[in-house]
């Protein structure tokens, strides 16, 4: 019978990652795993110049240290298995460090470039020191997930809880992008922000299910 367990974990905090590992292995009565998918991610801290350092650090901590901590935590369990494979999600922004000429994206890009480089370096390390464990890096483009909505919630910037100053900032960004929102009430701006977050998921060219199938096929074919 297939047993599935779920666990809450902030991958930006190493102590929570280690507790997650211990709980998951205990739940399934094993000291081995065959597959490790490091797929947690958020966005934020786009501007190194203007955005708050806390937002920048949160994004980098989840997108980079989340991968690093999980790789550290689960390495013994992968090594103990007859065969193992770790899959680290980078991004197209791990190759192209931009969302375009008018949109700074520094924290996310820096983290995803780090994930790509780390994973590529692991190929040699594992081939020499643990050849039964493989590693892959995934470089997705726009995938239909809730990353935009989840990122706003993680940063405490859910549309319903945004302050008047936050709304004014979003209004300015939308106007700079050519959207005539100068006379829209604040509640309409909140609704527009929520709509954009939903559109990121629903209008993506690739669904999360399709992406998962592509990744699994890649793992099977090494």
N, C-alpha and C. Protein backbone atom coordinates (compact mmCIF):
# COMPACT_ATOMS: atom_id res chain seq x y z
N UNK A 1 0.84 -1.19 0.00
CA UNK A 1 0.00 0.00 0.00
C UNK A 1 0.88 1.24 0.00
N UNK A 2 0.41 2.28 -0.67
CA UNK A 2 1.12 3.55 -0.73
C UNK A 2 0.77 4.40 0.47
N UNK A 3 1.78 4.88 1.18
CA UNK A 3 1.57 5.75 2.33
C UNK A 3 2.08 7.14 2.01
N UNK A 4 1.23 8.13 2.19
CA UNK A 4 1.60 9.52 1.95
C UNK A 4 1.48 10.28 3.26
N UNK A 5 2.51 11.03 3.58
CA UNK A 5 2.46 11.88 4.77
C UNK A 5 2.75 13.32 4.37
N UNK A 6 2.19 14.26 5.10
CA UNK A 6 2.42 15.68 4.83
C UNK A 6 3.00 16.34 6.06
N UNK A 7 3.87 17.31 5.85
CA UNK A 7 4.58 17.96 6.95
C UNK A 7 4.74 19.44 6.63
N UNK A 8 4.51 20.30 7.62
CA UNK A 8 4.72 21.73 7.45
C UNK A 8 6.17 22.07 7.78
N UNK A 9 6.79 22.88 6.91
CA UNK A 9 8.20 23.20 7.11
C UNK A 9 8.53 24.50 6.39
N UNK A 10 9.19 25.42 7.08
CA UNK A 10 9.77 26.60 6.43
C UNK A 10 11.20 26.23 6.05
N UNK A 11 11.44 26.02 4.76
CA UNK A 11 12.74 25.52 4.33
C UNK A 11 13.85 26.56 4.50
N UNK A 12 13.49 27.80 4.83
CA UNK A 12 14.50 28.82 5.09
C UNK A 12 15.11 28.69 6.48
N UNK A 13 14.56 27.78 7.30
CA UNK A 13 15.05 27.59 8.66
C UNK A 13 15.57 26.15 8.81
N UNK A 14 16.88 26.04 9.02
CA UNK A 14 17.52 24.72 9.00
C UNK A 14 16.95 23.81 10.08
N UNK A 15 16.62 24.35 11.25
CA UNK A 15 16.10 23.50 12.32
C UNK A 15 14.76 22.89 11.92
N UNK A 16 13.95 23.64 11.18
CA UNK A 16 12.68 23.09 10.71
C UNK A 16 12.90 22.03 9.63
N UNK A 17 13.89 22.25 8.77
CA UNK A 17 14.21 21.25 7.74
C UNK A 17 14.65 19.95 8.39
N UNK A 18 15.50 20.03 9.39
CA UNK A 18 15.97 18.82 10.06
C UNK A 18 14.84 18.11 10.79
N UNK A 19 13.92 18.88 11.38
CA UNK A 19 12.77 18.28 12.04
C UNK A 19 11.85 17.60 11.03
N UNK A 20 11.69 18.23 9.88
CA UNK A 20 10.90 17.64 8.79
C UNK A 20 11.51 16.31 8.34
N UNK A 21 12.81 16.30 8.16
CA UNK A 21 13.49 15.06 7.77
C UNK A 21 13.25 13.96 8.80
N UNK A 22 13.46 14.28 10.05
CA UNK A 22 13.29 13.27 11.11
C UNK A 22 11.86 12.75 11.15
N UNK A 23 10.90 13.66 11.02
CA UNK A 23 9.49 13.27 11.08
C UNK A 23 9.10 12.42 9.87
N UNK A 24 9.56 12.80 8.70
CA UNK A 24 9.21 12.06 7.48
C UNK A 24 9.80 10.65 7.50
N UNK A 25 11.07 10.54 7.87
CA UNK A 25 11.69 9.21 7.92
C UNK A 25 11.02 8.33 8.98
N UNK A 26 10.70 8.93 10.14
CA UNK A 26 10.04 8.16 11.20
C UNK A 26 8.65 7.72 10.76
N UNK A 27 7.92 8.60 10.08
CA UNK A 27 6.57 8.28 9.62
C UNK A 27 6.55 7.07 8.71
N UNK A 28 7.62 6.93 7.90
CA UNK A 28 7.67 5.83 6.94
C UNK A 28 8.59 4.70 7.40
N UNK A 29 9.10 4.81 8.61
CA UNK A 29 9.89 3.72 9.19
C UNK A 29 11.12 3.35 8.38
N UNK A 30 11.88 4.35 7.95
CA UNK A 30 13.04 4.08 7.10
C UNK A 30 14.15 5.07 7.40
N UNK A 31 15.34 4.72 6.96
CA UNK A 31 16.46 5.66 7.01
C UNK A 31 16.96 5.97 5.60
N UNK A 32 16.12 5.63 4.60
CA UNK A 32 16.53 5.80 3.20
C UNK A 32 15.45 6.55 2.42
N UNK A 33 15.89 7.33 1.43
CA UNK A 33 14.98 7.88 0.43
C UNK A 33 15.62 7.72 -0.95
N UNK A 34 14.79 7.65 -1.96
CA UNK A 34 15.29 7.53 -3.33
C UNK A 34 15.21 8.83 -4.12
N UNK A 35 14.23 9.67 -3.80
CA UNK A 35 14.04 10.90 -4.55
C UNK A 35 13.88 12.08 -3.58
N UNK A 36 14.57 13.16 -3.88
CA UNK A 36 14.44 14.40 -3.13
C UNK A 36 14.19 15.54 -4.11
N UNK A 37 13.01 16.17 -4.02
CA UNK A 37 12.68 17.30 -4.88
C UNK A 37 12.75 18.58 -4.06
N UNK A 38 13.66 19.46 -4.41
CA UNK A 38 13.77 20.76 -3.75
C UNK A 38 13.08 21.79 -4.63
N UNK A 39 11.83 22.09 -4.30
CA UNK A 39 10.98 22.85 -5.22
C UNK A 39 10.30 24.05 -4.57
N UNK A 40 10.68 24.38 -3.34
CA UNK A 40 10.06 25.54 -2.68
C UNK A 40 10.62 26.83 -3.28
N UNK A 41 9.75 27.82 -3.46
CA UNK A 41 10.23 29.09 -4.00
C UNK A 41 9.25 30.21 -3.76
N UNK A 42 9.77 31.42 -3.58
CA UNK A 42 8.96 32.62 -3.50
C UNK A 42 9.66 33.71 -4.30
N UNK A 43 8.94 34.81 -4.54
CA UNK A 43 9.54 35.97 -5.19
C UNK A 43 9.44 37.18 -4.28
N UNK A 44 10.32 38.13 -4.50
CA UNK A 44 10.32 39.36 -3.70
C UNK A 44 11.72 39.94 -3.66
N UNK A 45 11.85 41.12 -3.09
CA UNK A 45 13.17 41.74 -3.01
C UNK A 45 13.77 41.99 -4.37
N UNK A 46 12.93 42.42 -5.31
CA UNK A 46 13.41 42.58 -6.67
C UNK A 46 14.53 43.60 -6.81
N UNK A 47 14.40 44.71 -6.09
CA UNK A 47 15.40 45.77 -6.18
C UNK A 47 16.35 45.71 -4.99
N UNK A 48 17.63 45.55 -5.26
CA UNK A 48 18.65 45.59 -4.22
C UNK A 48 18.78 47.01 -3.68
N UNK A 49 18.36 47.99 -4.45
CA UNK A 49 18.51 49.39 -4.07
C UNK A 49 17.31 49.88 -3.26
N UNK A 50 16.10 49.58 -3.72
CA UNK A 50 14.91 50.19 -3.13
C UNK A 50 14.14 49.28 -2.19
N UNK A 51 14.17 47.97 -2.38
CA UNK A 51 13.34 47.09 -1.55
C UNK A 51 13.97 46.86 -0.18
N UNK A 52 13.12 46.51 0.78
CA UNK A 52 13.60 46.26 2.13
C UNK A 52 14.52 45.04 2.16
N UNK A 53 15.56 45.13 2.98
CA UNK A 53 16.48 44.01 3.08
C UNK A 53 15.78 42.74 3.57
N UNK A 54 14.82 42.89 4.49
CA UNK A 54 14.10 41.72 5.01
C UNK A 54 13.44 40.95 3.88
N UNK A 55 12.82 41.66 2.94
CA UNK A 55 12.16 41.01 1.82
C UNK A 55 13.19 40.31 0.91
N UNK A 56 14.31 41.00 0.67
CA UNK A 56 15.37 40.43 -0.15
C UNK A 56 15.88 39.13 0.50
N UNK A 57 16.18 39.21 1.79
CA UNK A 57 16.75 38.05 2.49
C UNK A 57 15.76 36.89 2.54
N UNK A 58 14.48 37.17 2.75
CA UNK A 58 13.48 36.09 2.79
C UNK A 58 13.46 35.33 1.46
N UNK A 59 13.47 36.07 0.37
CA UNK A 59 13.44 35.43 -0.95
C UNK A 59 14.69 34.58 -1.16
N UNK A 60 15.84 35.14 -0.87
CA UNK A 60 17.10 34.39 -1.06
C UNK A 60 17.16 33.18 -0.14
N UNK A 61 16.68 33.34 1.10
CA UNK A 61 16.74 32.24 2.07
C UNK A 61 15.89 31.05 1.63
N UNK A 62 14.68 31.30 1.13
CA UNK A 62 13.84 30.20 0.67
C UNK A 62 14.40 29.58 -0.60
N UNK A 63 14.72 30.43 -1.58
CA UNK A 63 15.08 29.92 -2.91
C UNK A 63 16.48 29.32 -2.96
N UNK A 64 17.41 29.81 -2.14
CA UNK A 64 18.74 29.20 -2.12
C UNK A 64 18.96 28.32 -0.89
N UNK A 65 18.83 28.90 0.31
CA UNK A 65 19.14 28.11 1.49
C UNK A 65 18.16 26.96 1.68
N UNK A 66 16.93 27.09 1.19
CA UNK A 66 16.00 25.97 1.24
C UNK A 66 16.54 24.75 0.50
N UNK A 67 17.14 24.99 -0.66
CA UNK A 67 17.76 23.90 -1.42
C UNK A 67 18.98 23.36 -0.67
N UNK A 68 19.80 24.26 -0.21
CA UNK A 68 21.04 23.85 0.48
C UNK A 68 20.73 23.05 1.75
N UNK A 69 19.82 23.57 2.58
CA UNK A 69 19.51 22.87 3.84
C UNK A 69 18.92 21.49 3.57
N UNK A 70 18.03 21.38 2.59
CA UNK A 70 17.42 20.08 2.31
C UNK A 70 18.44 19.10 1.74
N UNK A 71 19.34 19.60 0.90
CA UNK A 71 20.39 18.72 0.39
C UNK A 71 21.27 18.21 1.51
N UNK A 72 21.62 19.08 2.45
CA UNK A 72 22.42 18.66 3.61
C UNK A 72 21.64 17.65 4.47
N UNK A 73 20.39 17.99 4.76
CA UNK A 73 19.62 17.18 5.71
C UNK A 73 19.38 15.77 5.19
N UNK A 74 19.07 15.64 3.90
CA UNK A 74 18.67 14.35 3.35
C UNK A 74 19.81 13.58 2.68
N UNK A 75 21.03 14.13 2.70
CA UNK A 75 22.15 13.44 2.07
C UNK A 75 22.38 12.04 2.65
N UNK A 76 22.42 11.86 3.98
CA UNK A 76 22.63 10.50 4.51
C UNK A 76 21.57 9.51 4.05
N UNK A 77 20.30 9.94 3.98
CA UNK A 77 19.22 9.04 3.57
C UNK A 77 19.36 8.68 2.09
N UNK A 78 19.78 9.61 1.26
CA UNK A 78 20.03 9.30 -0.16
C UNK A 78 21.22 8.36 -0.30
N UNK A 79 22.26 8.61 0.47
CA UNK A 79 23.47 7.78 0.40
C UNK A 79 23.17 6.35 0.86
N UNK A 80 22.23 6.21 1.80
CA UNK A 80 21.93 4.88 2.35
C UNK A 80 21.12 4.02 1.39
N UNK A 81 20.47 4.64 0.41
CA UNK A 81 19.64 3.90 -0.54
C UNK A 81 20.50 3.25 -1.62
N UNK A 82 19.94 2.21 -2.27
CA UNK A 82 20.66 1.57 -3.38
C UNK A 82 20.87 2.52 -4.55
N UNK A 83 19.89 3.39 -4.78
CA UNK A 83 20.02 4.43 -5.79
C UNK A 83 19.20 5.63 -5.34
N UNK A 84 19.69 6.81 -5.70
CA UNK A 84 19.00 8.03 -5.30
C UNK A 84 19.12 9.09 -6.36
N UNK A 85 18.25 10.07 -6.27
CA UNK A 85 18.27 11.18 -7.23
C UNK A 85 17.73 12.41 -6.53
N UNK A 86 18.47 13.51 -6.58
CA UNK A 86 17.98 14.78 -6.05
C UNK A 86 17.71 15.70 -7.23
N UNK A 87 16.62 16.45 -7.13
CA UNK A 87 16.17 17.32 -8.20
C UNK A 87 16.00 18.72 -7.62
N UNK A 88 16.83 19.64 -8.07
CA UNK A 88 16.81 21.01 -7.57
C UNK A 88 16.17 21.94 -8.60
N UNK A 89 15.16 22.68 -8.19
CA UNK A 89 14.49 23.59 -9.10
C UNK A 89 15.18 24.95 -9.10
N UNK A 90 15.80 25.26 -10.22
CA UNK A 90 16.32 26.61 -10.45
C UNK A 90 15.23 27.36 -11.21
N UNK A 91 15.56 28.00 -12.29
CA UNK A 91 14.59 28.78 -13.05
C UNK A 91 15.25 29.25 -14.33
N UNK A 92 14.44 29.69 -15.29
CA UNK A 92 15.02 30.38 -16.44
C UNK A 92 15.81 31.59 -15.96
N UNK A 93 15.44 32.12 -14.78
CA UNK A 93 16.20 33.23 -14.21
C UNK A 93 17.53 32.79 -13.62
N UNK A 94 17.79 31.50 -13.63
CA UNK A 94 19.13 31.01 -13.32
C UNK A 94 20.07 31.11 -14.51
N UNK A 95 19.51 31.42 -15.67
CA UNK A 95 20.29 31.67 -16.88
C UNK A 95 20.20 33.13 -17.30
N UNK A 96 18.98 33.68 -17.20
CA UNK A 96 18.69 35.04 -17.64
C UNK A 96 18.27 35.84 -16.42
N UNK A 97 19.18 36.65 -15.89
CA UNK A 97 18.96 37.30 -14.60
C UNK A 97 18.12 38.56 -14.74
N UNK A 98 16.90 38.40 -15.25
CA UNK A 98 16.04 39.56 -15.47
C UNK A 98 14.62 39.11 -15.74
N UNK A 99 13.67 39.98 -15.38
CA UNK A 99 12.28 39.82 -15.82
C UNK A 99 12.00 40.75 -17.00
N UNK A 100 13.02 41.46 -17.44
CA UNK A 100 12.87 42.43 -18.51
C UNK A 100 13.60 43.71 -18.13
N UNK A 101 13.74 44.63 -19.06
CA UNK A 101 14.56 45.83 -18.81
C UNK A 101 13.97 46.78 -17.79
N UNK A 102 12.68 46.64 -17.45
CA UNK A 102 12.04 47.58 -16.53
C UNK A 102 11.67 46.97 -15.19
N UNK A 103 12.14 45.74 -14.91
CA UNK A 103 11.71 45.05 -13.69
C UNK A 103 12.90 44.43 -12.98
N UNK A 104 13.44 45.07 -11.92
CA UNK A 104 14.52 44.45 -11.15
C UNK A 104 14.06 43.14 -10.51
N UNK A 105 14.95 42.17 -10.44
CA UNK A 105 14.58 40.84 -9.95
C UNK A 105 15.79 40.19 -9.28
N UNK A 106 16.48 40.96 -8.43
CA UNK A 106 17.83 40.58 -8.01
C UNK A 106 17.87 39.40 -7.05
N UNK A 107 17.00 39.37 -6.03
CA UNK A 107 17.08 38.31 -5.02
C UNK A 107 16.78 36.95 -5.63
N UNK A 108 15.70 36.86 -6.38
CA UNK A 108 15.29 35.60 -7.00
C UNK A 108 16.34 35.12 -7.98
N UNK A 109 16.83 36.02 -8.82
CA UNK A 109 17.83 35.63 -9.82
C UNK A 109 19.12 35.15 -9.17
N UNK A 110 19.57 35.88 -8.15
CA UNK A 110 20.80 35.47 -7.47
C UNK A 110 20.67 34.08 -6.87
N UNK A 111 19.51 33.81 -6.26
CA UNK A 111 19.28 32.50 -5.64
C UNK A 111 19.22 31.40 -6.69
N UNK A 112 18.53 31.65 -7.80
CA UNK A 112 18.37 30.62 -8.81
C UNK A 112 19.67 30.36 -9.57
N UNK A 113 20.51 31.37 -9.74
CA UNK A 113 21.83 31.15 -10.32
C UNK A 113 22.68 30.30 -9.36
N UNK A 114 22.55 30.56 -8.06
CA UNK A 114 23.27 29.76 -7.07
C UNK A 114 22.82 28.30 -7.11
N UNK A 115 21.52 28.07 -7.22
CA UNK A 115 21.00 26.69 -7.30
C UNK A 115 21.55 25.98 -8.52
N UNK A 116 21.55 26.67 -9.65
CA UNK A 116 22.06 26.05 -10.88
C UNK A 116 23.54 25.68 -10.73
N UNK A 117 24.34 26.63 -10.26
CA UNK A 117 25.78 26.38 -10.12
C UNK A 117 26.08 25.28 -9.12
N UNK A 118 25.39 25.30 -8.00
CA UNK A 118 25.57 24.27 -6.97
C UNK A 118 25.24 22.89 -7.52
N UNK A 119 24.13 22.78 -8.23
CA UNK A 119 23.71 21.49 -8.75
C UNK A 119 24.68 20.98 -9.80
N UNK A 120 25.13 21.85 -10.68
CA UNK A 120 26.08 21.44 -11.71
C UNK A 120 27.40 20.98 -11.07
N UNK A 121 27.81 21.65 -9.99
CA UNK A 121 29.04 21.24 -9.30
C UNK A 121 28.85 19.90 -8.59
N UNK A 122 27.63 19.62 -8.12
CA UNK A 122 27.36 18.35 -7.46
C UNK A 122 27.50 17.16 -8.41
N UNK A 123 27.31 17.39 -9.71
CA UNK A 123 27.42 16.29 -10.68
C UNK A 123 28.79 15.61 -10.55
N UNK A 124 29.84 16.39 -10.49
CA UNK A 124 31.19 15.84 -10.36
C UNK A 124 31.39 15.24 -8.97
N UNK A 125 30.95 15.95 -7.95
CA UNK A 125 31.14 15.49 -6.58
C UNK A 125 30.48 14.13 -6.36
N UNK A 126 29.24 14.00 -6.81
CA UNK A 126 28.52 12.74 -6.64
C UNK A 126 29.11 11.63 -7.51
N UNK A 127 29.52 11.96 -8.72
CA UNK A 127 30.11 10.94 -9.61
C UNK A 127 31.36 10.33 -8.99
N UNK A 128 32.11 11.13 -8.24
CA UNK A 128 33.35 10.64 -7.62
C UNK A 128 33.07 9.96 -6.28
N UNK A 129 32.22 10.58 -5.47
CA UNK A 129 32.09 10.16 -4.07
C UNK A 129 30.81 9.39 -3.75
N UNK A 130 29.82 9.44 -4.62
CA UNK A 130 28.57 8.70 -4.41
C UNK A 130 27.91 8.44 -5.76
N UNK A 131 28.52 7.59 -6.59
CA UNK A 131 28.03 7.42 -7.97
C UNK A 131 26.63 6.83 -8.08
N UNK A 132 26.10 6.26 -7.00
CA UNK A 132 24.74 5.72 -7.05
C UNK A 132 23.68 6.79 -6.82
N UNK A 133 24.13 8.02 -6.53
CA UNK A 133 23.20 9.15 -6.34
C UNK A 133 23.37 10.11 -7.50
N UNK A 134 22.29 10.40 -8.18
CA UNK A 134 22.31 11.33 -9.31
C UNK A 134 21.76 12.68 -8.88
N UNK A 135 21.92 13.67 -9.73
CA UNK A 135 21.39 15.00 -9.44
C UNK A 135 20.97 15.67 -10.74
N UNK A 136 19.86 16.40 -10.67
CA UNK A 136 19.37 17.15 -11.83
C UNK A 136 19.00 18.56 -11.41
N UNK A 137 19.17 19.50 -12.33
CA UNK A 137 18.70 20.86 -12.12
C UNK A 137 17.58 21.13 -13.12
N UNK A 138 16.50 21.74 -12.64
CA UNK A 138 15.35 22.06 -13.48
C UNK A 138 15.34 23.57 -13.71
N UNK A 139 15.12 23.96 -14.96
CA UNK A 139 15.18 25.38 -15.33
C UNK A 139 13.84 25.81 -15.94
N UNK A 140 12.77 25.91 -15.15
CA UNK A 140 11.45 26.20 -15.70
C UNK A 140 11.30 27.66 -16.13
N UNK A 141 10.39 27.85 -17.07
CA UNK A 141 9.92 29.19 -17.38
C UNK A 141 8.67 29.47 -16.58
N UNK A 142 7.66 30.03 -17.22
CA UNK A 142 6.41 30.38 -16.53
C UNK A 142 5.55 29.15 -16.36
N UNK A 143 5.46 28.66 -15.13
CA UNK A 143 4.65 27.50 -14.79
C UNK A 143 3.45 27.96 -13.97
N UNK A 144 2.30 27.36 -14.20
CA UNK A 144 1.07 27.77 -13.52
C UNK A 144 1.01 27.32 -12.08
N UNK A 145 1.60 28.08 -11.18
CA UNK A 145 1.57 27.78 -9.75
C UNK A 145 1.04 28.99 -8.99
N UNK A 146 0.93 28.85 -7.68
CA UNK A 146 0.46 29.94 -6.82
C UNK A 146 1.61 30.75 -6.22
N UNK A 147 2.77 30.75 -6.90
CA UNK A 147 3.95 31.39 -6.32
C UNK A 147 3.73 32.89 -6.09
N UNK A 148 2.99 33.56 -6.97
CA UNK A 148 2.78 35.00 -6.79
C UNK A 148 1.93 35.26 -5.54
N UNK A 149 0.80 34.57 -5.44
CA UNK A 149 -0.07 34.74 -4.27
C UNK A 149 0.63 34.31 -2.99
N UNK A 150 1.33 33.18 -3.04
CA UNK A 150 2.03 32.69 -1.86
C UNK A 150 3.15 33.63 -1.43
N UNK A 151 3.84 34.22 -2.41
CA UNK A 151 4.92 35.14 -2.09
C UNK A 151 4.38 36.37 -1.37
N UNK A 152 3.27 36.90 -1.85
CA UNK A 152 2.67 38.07 -1.19
C UNK A 152 2.26 37.73 0.24
N UNK A 153 1.70 36.53 0.44
CA UNK A 153 1.29 36.13 1.78
C UNK A 153 2.50 35.96 2.69
N UNK A 154 3.56 35.35 2.18
CA UNK A 154 4.77 35.11 2.97
C UNK A 154 5.43 36.42 3.38
N UNK A 155 5.34 37.42 2.50
CA UNK A 155 5.94 38.73 2.77
C UNK A 155 5.01 39.64 3.57
N UNK A 156 3.81 39.13 3.95
CA UNK A 156 2.87 39.96 4.66
C UNK A 156 2.25 41.03 3.79
N UNK A 157 2.15 40.75 2.49
CA UNK A 157 1.62 41.73 1.54
C UNK A 157 0.41 41.16 0.79
N UNK A 158 -0.41 40.41 1.51
CA UNK A 158 -1.66 39.93 0.94
C UNK A 158 -2.52 41.14 0.56
N UNK A 159 -3.19 41.10 -0.60
CA UNK A 159 -3.95 42.28 -1.05
C UNK A 159 -4.90 42.86 -0.01
N UNK A 160 -5.56 42.00 0.76
CA UNK A 160 -6.54 42.49 1.73
C UNK A 160 -5.90 43.21 2.91
N UNK A 161 -4.62 42.97 3.14
CA UNK A 161 -3.96 43.57 4.31
C UNK A 161 -3.00 44.68 3.94
N UNK A 162 -2.96 45.08 2.67
CA UNK A 162 -2.03 46.11 2.25
C UNK A 162 -2.42 47.47 2.82
N UNK A 163 -1.42 48.21 3.24
CA UNK A 163 -1.65 49.55 3.77
C UNK A 163 -1.88 50.53 2.63
N UNK A 164 -2.30 51.75 2.99
CA UNK A 164 -2.50 52.79 1.98
C UNK A 164 -1.19 53.10 1.26
N UNK A 165 -0.06 53.05 1.99
CA UNK A 165 1.24 53.29 1.37
C UNK A 165 1.58 52.19 0.36
N UNK A 166 1.28 50.93 0.73
CA UNK A 166 1.52 49.82 -0.19
C UNK A 166 0.69 49.98 -1.46
N UNK A 167 -0.59 50.36 -1.28
CA UNK A 167 -1.47 50.54 -2.43
C UNK A 167 -0.95 51.64 -3.33
N UNK A 168 -0.47 52.72 -2.73
CA UNK A 168 0.07 53.83 -3.52
C UNK A 168 1.29 53.37 -4.33
N UNK A 169 2.11 52.50 -3.72
CA UNK A 169 3.28 51.99 -4.42
C UNK A 169 2.86 51.12 -5.61
N UNK A 170 1.89 50.23 -5.39
CA UNK A 170 1.40 49.39 -6.49
C UNK A 170 0.76 50.24 -7.57
N UNK A 171 0.01 51.26 -7.15
CA UNK A 171 -0.64 52.14 -8.13
C UNK A 171 0.42 52.79 -9.03
N UNK A 172 1.50 53.25 -8.40
CA UNK A 172 2.58 53.89 -9.16
C UNK A 172 3.22 52.90 -10.14
N UNK A 173 3.43 51.66 -9.68
CA UNK A 173 4.03 50.64 -10.55
C UNK A 173 3.13 50.34 -11.74
N UNK A 174 1.82 50.25 -11.49
CA UNK A 174 0.88 49.97 -12.56
C UNK A 174 0.82 51.12 -13.57
N UNK A 175 0.88 52.35 -13.07
CA UNK A 175 0.87 53.50 -13.96
C UNK A 175 2.14 53.53 -14.81
N UNK A 176 3.28 53.20 -14.21
CA UNK A 176 4.53 53.15 -14.96
C UNK A 176 4.48 52.08 -16.06
N UNK A 177 3.69 51.04 -15.81
CA UNK A 177 3.54 49.98 -16.80
C UNK A 177 2.50 50.32 -17.87
N UNK A 178 1.95 51.53 -17.77
CA UNK A 178 1.02 51.98 -18.79
C UNK A 178 -0.44 51.70 -18.51
N UNK A 179 -0.78 51.34 -17.26
CA UNK A 179 -2.16 51.05 -16.91
C UNK A 179 -2.80 52.30 -16.28
N UNK A 180 -3.91 52.77 -16.82
CA UNK A 180 -4.54 54.00 -16.31
C UNK A 180 -5.33 53.76 -15.03
N UNK A 181 -4.65 53.70 -13.91
CA UNK A 181 -5.29 53.35 -12.64
C UNK A 181 -5.28 54.50 -11.65
N UNK A 182 -4.94 55.69 -12.14
CA UNK A 182 -4.79 56.83 -11.23
C UNK A 182 -6.04 57.15 -10.44
N UNK A 183 -7.22 56.95 -11.02
CA UNK A 183 -8.48 57.30 -10.34
C UNK A 183 -9.20 56.11 -9.73
N UNK A 184 -8.61 54.93 -9.80
CA UNK A 184 -9.27 53.76 -9.23
C UNK A 184 -9.23 53.80 -7.70
N UNK A 185 -10.33 53.44 -7.04
CA UNK A 185 -10.31 53.34 -5.56
C UNK A 185 -9.31 52.28 -5.10
N UNK A 186 -8.88 52.40 -3.84
CA UNK A 186 -7.89 51.47 -3.29
C UNK A 186 -8.39 50.02 -3.36
N UNK A 187 -9.68 49.80 -3.08
CA UNK A 187 -10.21 48.44 -3.11
C UNK A 187 -10.13 47.84 -4.52
N UNK A 188 -10.28 48.68 -5.53
CA UNK A 188 -10.14 48.19 -6.90
C UNK A 188 -8.69 47.81 -7.20
N UNK A 189 -7.76 48.56 -6.63
CA UNK A 189 -6.35 48.22 -6.80
C UNK A 189 -6.06 46.88 -6.13
N UNK A 190 -6.62 46.67 -4.93
CA UNK A 190 -6.45 45.39 -4.24
C UNK A 190 -6.99 44.24 -5.09
N UNK A 191 -8.17 44.45 -5.67
CA UNK A 191 -8.77 43.41 -6.50
C UNK A 191 -7.92 43.14 -7.73
N UNK A 192 -7.32 44.19 -8.28
CA UNK A 192 -6.48 44.03 -9.47
C UNK A 192 -5.21 43.25 -9.14
N UNK A 193 -4.65 43.51 -7.97
CA UNK A 193 -3.46 42.77 -7.54
C UNK A 193 -3.79 41.28 -7.38
N UNK A 194 -4.91 40.99 -6.72
CA UNK A 194 -5.34 39.59 -6.55
C UNK A 194 -5.60 38.93 -7.90
N UNK A 195 -6.18 39.69 -8.82
CA UNK A 195 -6.47 39.15 -10.15
C UNK A 195 -5.18 38.80 -10.89
N UNK A 196 -4.17 39.65 -10.76
CA UNK A 196 -2.89 39.38 -11.42
C UNK A 196 -2.24 38.12 -10.86
N UNK A 197 -2.34 37.94 -9.54
CA UNK A 197 -1.78 36.74 -8.92
C UNK A 197 -2.47 35.48 -9.44
N UNK A 198 -3.79 35.55 -9.56
CA UNK A 198 -4.56 34.41 -10.08
C UNK A 198 -4.24 34.16 -11.54
N UNK A 199 -4.07 35.24 -12.31
CA UNK A 199 -3.79 35.10 -13.74
C UNK A 199 -2.44 34.43 -13.97
N UNK A 200 -1.47 34.67 -13.06
CA UNK A 200 -0.17 34.03 -13.21
C UNK A 200 -0.31 32.52 -13.24
N UNK A 201 -1.24 32.00 -12.43
CA UNK A 201 -1.47 30.55 -12.39
C UNK A 201 -2.34 30.08 -13.55
N UNK A 202 -3.45 30.77 -13.77
CA UNK A 202 -4.44 30.26 -14.73
C UNK A 202 -4.06 30.48 -16.18
N UNK A 203 -3.24 31.48 -16.46
CA UNK A 203 -2.90 31.81 -17.85
C UNK A 203 -1.49 31.38 -18.24
N UNK A 204 -0.86 30.59 -17.41
CA UNK A 204 0.50 30.14 -17.72
C UNK A 204 0.51 29.21 -18.93
N UNK A 205 1.57 29.25 -19.73
CA UNK A 205 1.65 28.37 -20.89
C UNK A 205 1.88 26.90 -20.53
N UNK A 206 2.37 26.64 -19.32
CA UNK A 206 2.63 25.27 -18.87
C UNK A 206 2.01 25.08 -17.49
N UNK A 207 1.21 24.03 -17.33
CA UNK A 207 0.60 23.77 -16.03
C UNK A 207 1.60 23.10 -15.10
N UNK A 208 1.29 23.14 -13.81
CA UNK A 208 2.14 22.46 -12.83
C UNK A 208 2.15 20.95 -13.07
N UNK A 209 1.02 20.40 -13.47
CA UNK A 209 0.94 18.96 -13.75
C UNK A 209 1.85 18.60 -14.92
N UNK A 210 1.81 19.38 -15.99
CA UNK A 210 2.67 19.11 -17.14
C UNK A 210 4.14 19.23 -16.75
N UNK A 211 4.47 20.24 -15.96
CA UNK A 211 5.85 20.41 -15.52
C UNK A 211 6.32 19.21 -14.72
N UNK A 212 5.45 18.71 -13.83
CA UNK A 212 5.81 17.55 -13.02
C UNK A 212 6.08 16.33 -13.90
N UNK A 213 5.27 16.14 -14.92
CA UNK A 213 5.46 15.01 -15.83
C UNK A 213 6.78 15.12 -16.58
N UNK A 214 7.10 16.32 -17.03
CA UNK A 214 8.37 16.54 -17.73
C UNK A 214 9.56 16.24 -16.81
N UNK A 215 9.47 16.73 -15.56
CA UNK A 215 10.56 16.51 -14.61
C UNK A 215 10.72 15.03 -14.30
N UNK A 216 9.62 14.34 -14.07
CA UNK A 216 9.70 12.90 -13.75
C UNK A 216 10.27 12.11 -14.92
N UNK A 217 9.87 12.46 -16.13
CA UNK A 217 10.43 11.79 -17.31
C UNK A 217 11.92 12.03 -17.40
N UNK A 218 12.36 13.24 -17.08
CA UNK A 218 13.79 13.53 -17.10
C UNK A 218 14.57 12.72 -16.08
N UNK A 219 13.97 12.56 -14.89
CA UNK A 219 14.63 11.76 -13.84
C UNK A 219 14.75 10.31 -14.29
N UNK A 220 13.66 9.76 -14.83
CA UNK A 220 13.67 8.36 -15.28
C UNK A 220 14.71 8.12 -16.36
N UNK A 221 14.90 9.11 -17.22
CA UNK A 221 15.85 8.97 -18.33
C UNK A 221 17.24 9.49 -17.99
N UNK A 222 17.41 9.93 -16.72
CA UNK A 222 18.66 10.51 -16.26
C UNK A 222 19.13 11.64 -17.17
